[in-house]
């Protein structure tokens, strides 16, 4: 029995490898070969997702350590540390805040979402004028 889906192969491939397939053998393959390719791409997607989760966990740990270090260097508390960390940035709206958090590598984590909300209360926004 086969479980591949021609309608979403391109999306699956993009999720696994970061780009859509062009001229891929999948499109001309027999059903049995399509299934083999499908299984390999699904396995590669799982590996890519595991690696992304590992990178995100490392980024969260690094950011927390950086915040702690800044507190110890004199900021005194988390709010001041975040103010110091963002003091050279210009924020116009929430997307600017999300962009900063994305640059830290944590935007799509629970910690990153909480940090966005926290920063929305801390940072000063410039008028777009």
Protein backbone atom coordinates (compact mmCIF):
# COMPACT_ATOMS: atom_id res chain seq x y z
CA UNK A 1 0.00 0.00 0.00
CA UNK A 2 1.20 3.50 -0.84
CA UNK A 3 0.75 6.64 1.22
CA UNK A 4 2.53 9.21 -0.98
CA UNK A 5 0.56 12.20 -2.18
CA UNK A 6 1.43 13.83 -5.49
CA UNK A 7 -0.47 16.96 -4.47
CA UNK A 8 1.82 17.78 -1.55
CA UNK A 9 5.17 16.30 -2.62
CA UNK A 10 6.51 19.72 -3.56
CA UNK A 11 5.53 21.15 -0.15
CA UNK A 12 7.02 18.14 1.65
CA UNK A 13 10.26 18.47 -0.29
CA UNK A 14 10.45 22.20 0.50
CA UNK A 15 9.90 21.56 4.20
CA UNK A 16 12.60 18.88 4.24
CA UNK A 17 15.26 20.58 2.11
CA UNK A 18 14.34 24.27 1.96
CA UNK A 19 13.53 24.38 -1.76
CA UNK A 20 10.96 23.00 -4.15
CA UNK A 21 11.99 20.13 -6.40
CA UNK A 22 12.63 20.86 -10.07
CA UNK A 23 12.83 18.05 -12.56
CA UNK A 24 12.76 15.55 -9.70
CA UNK A 25 12.59 11.87 -10.58
CA UNK A 26 9.53 11.59 -8.33
CA UNK A 27 7.27 13.04 -11.01
CA UNK A 28 8.12 10.33 -13.55
CA UNK A 29 8.63 7.45 -11.12
CA UNK A 30 6.58 4.29 -10.74
CA UNK A 31 4.27 4.13 -7.72
CA UNK A 32 6.75 1.87 -5.91
CA UNK A 33 9.63 4.28 -6.54
CA UNK A 34 7.46 7.26 -5.53
CA UNK A 35 6.82 5.51 -2.23
CA UNK A 36 10.56 5.00 -1.68
CA UNK A 37 11.25 8.66 -2.40
CA UNK A 38 8.33 9.73 -0.22
CA UNK A 39 9.60 7.70 2.74
CA UNK A 40 13.14 9.10 2.36
CA UNK A 41 11.89 12.69 2.17
CA UNK A 42 9.67 12.14 5.23
CA UNK A 43 12.67 10.77 7.14
CA UNK A 44 14.78 13.74 6.05
CA UNK A 45 12.01 16.11 7.12
CA UNK A 46 11.96 14.54 10.57
CA UNK A 47 15.74 14.92 10.80
CA UNK A 48 15.50 18.57 9.70
CA UNK A 49 12.79 19.27 12.27
CA UNK A 50 14.83 17.63 15.03
CA UNK A 51 17.86 19.71 14.05
CA UNK A 52 15.78 22.91 14.02
CA UNK A 53 14.39 22.10 17.47
CA UNK A 54 17.95 21.51 18.74
CA UNK A 55 19.13 24.85 17.27
CA UNK A 56 16.17 26.65 18.84
CA UNK A 57 16.88 25.11 22.26
CA UNK A 58 20.51 26.20 21.99
CA UNK A 59 19.46 29.72 20.97
CA UNK A 60 17.07 29.98 23.93
CA UNK A 61 19.79 28.80 26.33
CA UNK A 62 22.31 31.26 24.85
CA UNK A 63 19.86 34.17 25.05
CA UNK A 64 18.95 33.37 28.64
CA UNK A 65 22.65 33.19 29.53
CA UNK A 66 23.26 36.51 27.79
CA UNK A 67 20.41 38.14 29.73
CA UNK A 68 21.76 36.72 33.00
CA UNK A 69 25.23 38.01 32.15
CA UNK A 70 23.91 41.51 31.47
CA UNK A 71 22.00 41.47 34.75
CA UNK A 72 25.21 40.51 36.54
CA UNK A 73 27.17 43.21 34.69
CA UNK A 74 24.99 45.86 36.27
CA UNK A 75 21.54 45.87 34.75
CA UNK A 76 20.22 44.51 38.03
CA UNK A 77 17.10 42.87 36.62
CA UNK A 78 15.65 41.32 33.49
CA UNK A 79 13.72 44.39 32.35
CA UNK A 80 16.82 46.59 32.48
CA UNK A 81 18.86 43.89 30.75
CA UNK A 82 16.34 43.75 27.90
CA UNK A 83 16.35 47.55 27.70
CA UNK A 84 20.13 47.54 27.44
CA UNK A 85 20.08 44.80 24.82
CA UNK A 86 17.60 46.65 22.64
CA UNK A 87 18.79 50.20 23.28
CA UNK A 88 20.49 50.58 19.90
CA UNK A 89 17.49 49.28 17.95
CA UNK A 90 14.72 51.32 16.39
CA UNK A 91 11.27 49.82 16.77
CA UNK A 92 8.32 51.08 14.75
CA UNK A 93 5.72 48.40 15.51
CA UNK A 94 5.31 44.84 16.74
CA UNK A 95 6.93 43.43 13.61
CA UNK A 96 10.11 45.29 14.50
CA UNK A 97 10.07 43.60 17.88
CA UNK A 98 9.42 40.22 16.27
CA UNK A 99 12.30 40.88 13.88
CA UNK A 100 14.66 41.47 16.78
CA UNK A 101 13.52 38.29 18.51
CA UNK A 102 13.86 36.40 15.22
CA UNK A 103 17.47 37.60 14.94
CA UNK A 104 18.08 35.99 18.33
CA UNK A 105 16.90 32.67 16.84
CA UNK A 106 13.99 32.17 19.23
CA UNK A 107 10.92 33.77 17.61
CA UNK A 108 9.09 30.51 16.92
CA UNK A 109 9.58 29.10 20.40
CA UNK A 110 7.35 29.49 23.44
CA UNK A 111 10.13 31.54 25.03
CA UNK A 112 10.31 33.76 21.94
CA UNK A 113 6.57 34.42 21.93
CA UNK A 114 6.72 35.35 25.62
CA UNK A 115 9.73 37.58 24.93
CA UNK A 116 7.87 39.44 22.17
CA UNK A 117 5.04 40.18 24.58
CA UNK A 118 7.50 41.27 27.26
CA UNK A 119 9.41 43.55 24.88
CA UNK A 120 6.18 45.13 23.62
CA UNK A 121 5.83 46.55 27.13
CA UNK A 122 9.48 47.60 27.42
CA UNK A 123 10.69 49.10 24.15
CA UNK A 124 9.86 52.57 22.91
CA UNK A 125 8.35 52.86 19.45
CA UNK A 126 9.36 55.54 16.96
CA UNK A 127 6.71 57.46 15.01
CA UNK A 128 6.57 56.40 11.40
CA UNK A 129 5.65 60.02 10.68
